Amino acid sequence: MVLCGGIGEEQEADDKARAIANELRGPVKVGCQLSDEECETYEVLSYSTQVVAGTNYFLKLRVGKEDSPFVVHVRAFESLPHTGGTVELTSVRKSAGQIWKGVESDQLVHF
């Protein structure tokens, strides 16, 4: 059971999560400091949501070169429809000031 305002359970990628990730591809590349050549792979593995005054999406993405992809976690915010329903990248998970690179089995957490 999810607490009110808490992050939901991790779910398999669906069309909504893929659409949000695709909309944020450019900002994610910038946030992860990737060039076009370094972003051959860009795939949503899973996601979680948190209902606030809108929705936070915590996305687990496989990104990078085709022969050496890595996993990053990003957070996006989708505003409520009456305020425009826009989606924006709000955070890229970091560790010690560097882009955090994980593995597919790492659980999505609030960051």
C-alpha atoms as a PDB file:
ATOM      1  CA  MET A   1       0.000   0.000   0.000  1.00  0.00           C
ATOM      2  CA  VAL A   2       1.272   3.463  -0.928  1.00  0.00           C
ATOM      3  CA  LEU A   3       1.034   6.287   1.579  1.00  0.00           C
ATOM      4  CA  CYS A   4      -0.656   9.475   0.470  1.00  0.00           C
ATOM      5  CA  GLY A   5       2.040  11.551  -1.221  1.00  0.00           C
ATOM      6  CA  GLY A   6       4.484   8.612  -1.242  1.00  0.00           C
ATOM      7  CA  ILE A   7       6.161   7.119  -4.273  1.00  0.00           C
ATOM      8  CA  GLY A   8       4.254   4.252  -5.876  1.00  0.00           C
ATOM      9  CA  GLU A   9       5.533   0.795  -6.696  1.00  0.00           C
ATOM     10  CA  GLU A  10       7.872   0.348  -9.615  1.00  0.00           C
ATOM     11  CA  GLN A  11       6.005  -0.595 -12.795  1.00  0.00           C
ATOM     12  CA  GLU A  12       7.014  -1.870 -16.219  1.00  0.00           C
ATOM     13  CA  ALA A  13       7.365   0.820 -18.856  1.00  0.00           C
ATOM     14  CA  ASP A  14       4.110   1.636 -20.621  1.00  0.00           C
ATOM     15  CA  ASP A  15       3.072   4.032 -23.395  1.00  0.00           C
ATOM     16  CA  LYS A  16       2.649   6.963 -20.980  1.00  0.00           C
ATOM     17  CA  ALA A  17       6.140   6.508 -19.474  1.00  0.00           C
ATOM     18  CA  ARG A  18       7.669   6.134 -22.948  1.00  0.00           C
ATOM     19  CA  ALA A  19       5.898   9.296 -24.165  1.00  0.00           C
ATOM     20  CA  ILE A  20       7.221  11.291 -21.200  1.00  0.00           C
ATOM     21  CA  ALA A  21      10.737   9.925 -21.713  1.00  0.00           C
ATOM     22  CA  ASN A  22      10.638  10.744 -25.426  1.00  0.00           C
ATOM     23  CA  GLU A  23       9.476  14.284 -24.684  1.00  0.00           C
ATOM     24  CA  LEU A  24      12.431  14.674 -22.310  1.00  0.00           C
ATOM     25  CA  ARG A  25      15.139  13.088 -24.467  1.00  0.00           C
ATOM     26  CA  GLY A  26      16.924  16.405 -25.121  1.00  0.00           C
ATOM     27  CA  PRO A  27      16.901  17.584 -21.477  1.00  0.00           C
ATOM     28  CA  VAL A  28      17.964  14.098 -20.297  1.00  0.00           C
ATOM     29  CA  LYS A  29      20.941  14.141 -22.691  1.00  0.00           C
ATOM     30  CA  VAL A  30      21.948  17.545 -21.316  1.00  0.00           C
ATOM     31  CA  GLY A  31      21.338  16.511 -17.689  1.00  0.00           C
ATOM     32  CA  CYS A  32      23.396  13.339 -18.157  1.00  0.00           C
ATOM     33  CA  GLN A  33      26.050  15.210 -20.153  1.00  0.00           C
ATOM     34  CA  LEU A  34      25.664  12.956 -23.200  1.00  0.00           C
ATOM     35  CA  SER A  35      26.410  13.883 -26.807  1.00  0.00           C
ATOM     36  CA  ASP A  36      24.204  12.618 -29.643  1.00  0.00           C
ATOM     37  CA  GLU A  37      26.756   9.863 -30.326  1.00  0.00           C
ATOM     38  CA  GLU A  38      26.672   8.840 -26.658  1.00  0.00           C
ATOM     39  CA  CYS A  39      22.878   8.535 -26.685  1.00  0.00           C
ATOM     40  CA  GLU A  40      22.372   5.812 -29.275  1.00  0.00           C
ATOM     41  CA  THR A  41      20.446   3.808 -26.686  1.00  0.00           C
ATOM     42  CA  TYR A  42      17.514   5.505 -24.935  1.00  0.00           C
ATOM     43  CA  GLU A  43      14.945   3.183 -23.406  1.00  0.00           C
ATOM     44  CA  VAL A  44      12.553   3.294 -20.448  1.00  0.00           C
ATOM     45  CA  LEU A  45      12.962   0.191 -18.297  1.00  0.00           C
ATOM     46  CA  SER A  46      10.462   1.007 -15.545  1.00  0.00           C
ATOM     47  CA  TYR A  47       8.920   3.879 -13.628  1.00  0.00           C
ATOM     48  CA  SER A  48       7.171   4.948 -10.436  1.00  0.00           C
ATOM     49  CA  THR A  49       4.853   7.857  -9.792  1.00  0.00           C
ATOM     50  CA  GLN A  50       4.135  10.225  -6.937  1.00  0.00           C
ATOM     51  CA  VAL A  51       0.960  12.291  -6.899  1.00  0.00           C
ATOM     52  CA  VAL A  52       1.621  15.834  -5.715  1.00  0.00           C
ATOM     53  CA  ALA A  53       0.059  18.997  -7.203  1.00  0.00           C
ATOM     54  CA  GLY A  54       0.579  17.154 -10.473  1.00  0.00           C
ATOM     55  CA  THR A  55       2.586  13.945 -10.901  1.00  0.00           C
ATOM     56  CA  ASN A  56       6.263  13.180 -10.367  1.00  0.00           C
ATOM     57  CA  TYR A  57       7.543  10.414 -12.642  1.00  0.00           C
ATOM     58  CA  PHE A  58      10.654   8.539 -11.535  1.00  0.00           C
ATOM     59  CA  LEU A  59      12.016   6.901 -14.687  1.00  0.00           C
ATOM     60  CA  LYS A  60      14.675   4.221 -14.948  1.00  0.00           C
ATOM     61  CA  LEU A  61      16.341   4.653 -18.341  1.00  0.00           C
ATOM     62  CA  ARG A  62      18.945   2.684 -20.249  1.00  0.00           C
ATOM     63  CA  VAL A  63      21.060   5.252 -22.105  1.00  0.00           C
ATOM     64  CA  GLY A  64      24.463   5.547 -23.727  1.00  0.00           C
ATOM     65  CA  LYS A  65      26.349   3.973 -26.581  1.00  0.00           C
ATOM     66  CA  GLU A  66      24.829   0.863 -28.062  1.00  0.00           C
ATOM     67  CA  ASP A  67      27.798  -1.282 -26.997  1.00  0.00           C
ATOM     68  CA  SER A  68      28.090   0.193 -23.477  1.00  0.00           C
ATOM     69  CA  PRO A  69      24.748   1.463 -22.172  1.00  0.00           C
ATOM     70  CA  PHE A  70      24.195   2.331 -18.529  1.00  0.00           C
ATOM     71  CA  VAL A  71      21.189   2.987 -16.306  1.00  0.00           C
ATOM     72  CA  VAL A  72      20.193   6.417 -15.006  1.00  0.00           C
ATOM     73  CA  HIS A  73      17.266   7.529 -12.887  1.00  0.00           C
ATOM     74  CA  VAL A  74      15.516  10.776 -13.761  1.00  0.00           C
ATOM     75  CA  ARG A  75      12.583  12.612 -12.222  1.00  0.00           C
ATOM     76  CA  ALA A  76      10.037  14.474 -14.332  1.00  0.00           C
ATOM     77  CA  PHE A  77       7.085  16.579 -13.257  1.00  0.00           C
ATOM     78  CA  GLU A  78       3.799  16.691 -15.147  1.00  0.00           C
ATOM     79  CA  SER A  79       1.644  19.627 -14.120  1.00  0.00           C
ATOM     80  CA  LEU A  80      -2.115  19.370 -13.771  1.00  0.00           C
ATOM     81  CA  PRO A  81      -4.208  19.827 -16.919  1.00  0.00           C
ATOM     82  CA  HIS A  82      -5.684  23.158 -15.804  1.00  0.00           C
ATOM     83  CA  THR A  83      -2.155  24.570 -15.465  1.00  0.00           C
ATOM     84  CA  GLY A  84      -1.059  23.375 -18.887  1.00  0.00           C
ATOM     85  CA  GLY A  85      -0.242  19.702 -18.314  1.00  0.00           C
ATOM     86  CA  THR A  86       3.375  20.294 -19.300  1.00  0.00           C
ATOM     87  CA  VAL A  87       6.201  17.873 -18.561  1.00  0.00           C
ATOM     88  CA  GLU A  88       9.651  18.985 -17.437  1.00  0.00           C
ATOM     89  CA  LEU A  89      12.805  17.265 -16.275  1.00  0.00           C
ATOM     90  CA  THR A  90      13.320  18.161 -12.627  1.00  0.00           C
ATOM     91  CA  SER A  91      16.262  16.005 -11.583  1.00  0.00           C
ATOM     92  CA  VAL A  92      18.866  13.476 -12.619  1.00  0.00           C
ATOM     93  CA  ARG A  93      20.027  11.221  -9.802  1.00  0.00           C
ATOM     94  CA  LYS A  94      23.605  12.041  -8.786  1.00  0.00           C
ATOM     95  CA  SER A  95      26.132  10.666  -6.342  1.00  0.00           C
ATOM     96  CA  ALA A  96      28.971  12.824  -4.988  1.00  0.00           C
ATOM     97  CA  GLY A  97      28.184  15.466  -7.620  1.00  0.00           C
ATOM     98  CA  GLN A  98      28.502  13.004 -10.515  1.00  0.00           C
ATOM     99  CA  ILE A  99      25.792  11.415 -12.632  1.00  0.00           C
ATOM    100  CA  TRP A 100      24.791   8.249 -10.793  1.00  0.00           C
ATOM    101  CA  LYS A 101      25.177   5.194 -13.017  1.00  0.00           C
ATOM    102  CA  GLY A 102      23.350   2.127 -11.851  1.00  0.00           C
ATOM    103  CA  VAL A 103      22.242  -1.277 -13.022  1.00  0.00           C
ATOM    104  CA  GLU A 104      18.806  -2.505 -14.073  1.00  0.00           C
ATOM    105  CA  SER A 105      18.155  -4.193 -10.727  1.00  0.00           C
ATOM    106  CA  ASP A 106      18.556  -0.933  -8.744  1.00  0.00           C
ATOM    107  CA  GLN A 107      15.250   0.084  -7.201  1.00  0.00           C
ATOM    108  CA  LEU A 108      13.754   3.471  -8.024  1.00  0.00           C
ATOM    109  CA  VAL A 109      13.772   5.742  -4.978  1.00  0.00           C
ATOM    110  CA  HIS A 110      12.775   9.327  -4.301  1.00  0.00           C
ATOM    111  CA  PHE A 111      15.629  11.720  -5.037  1.00  0.00           C
END
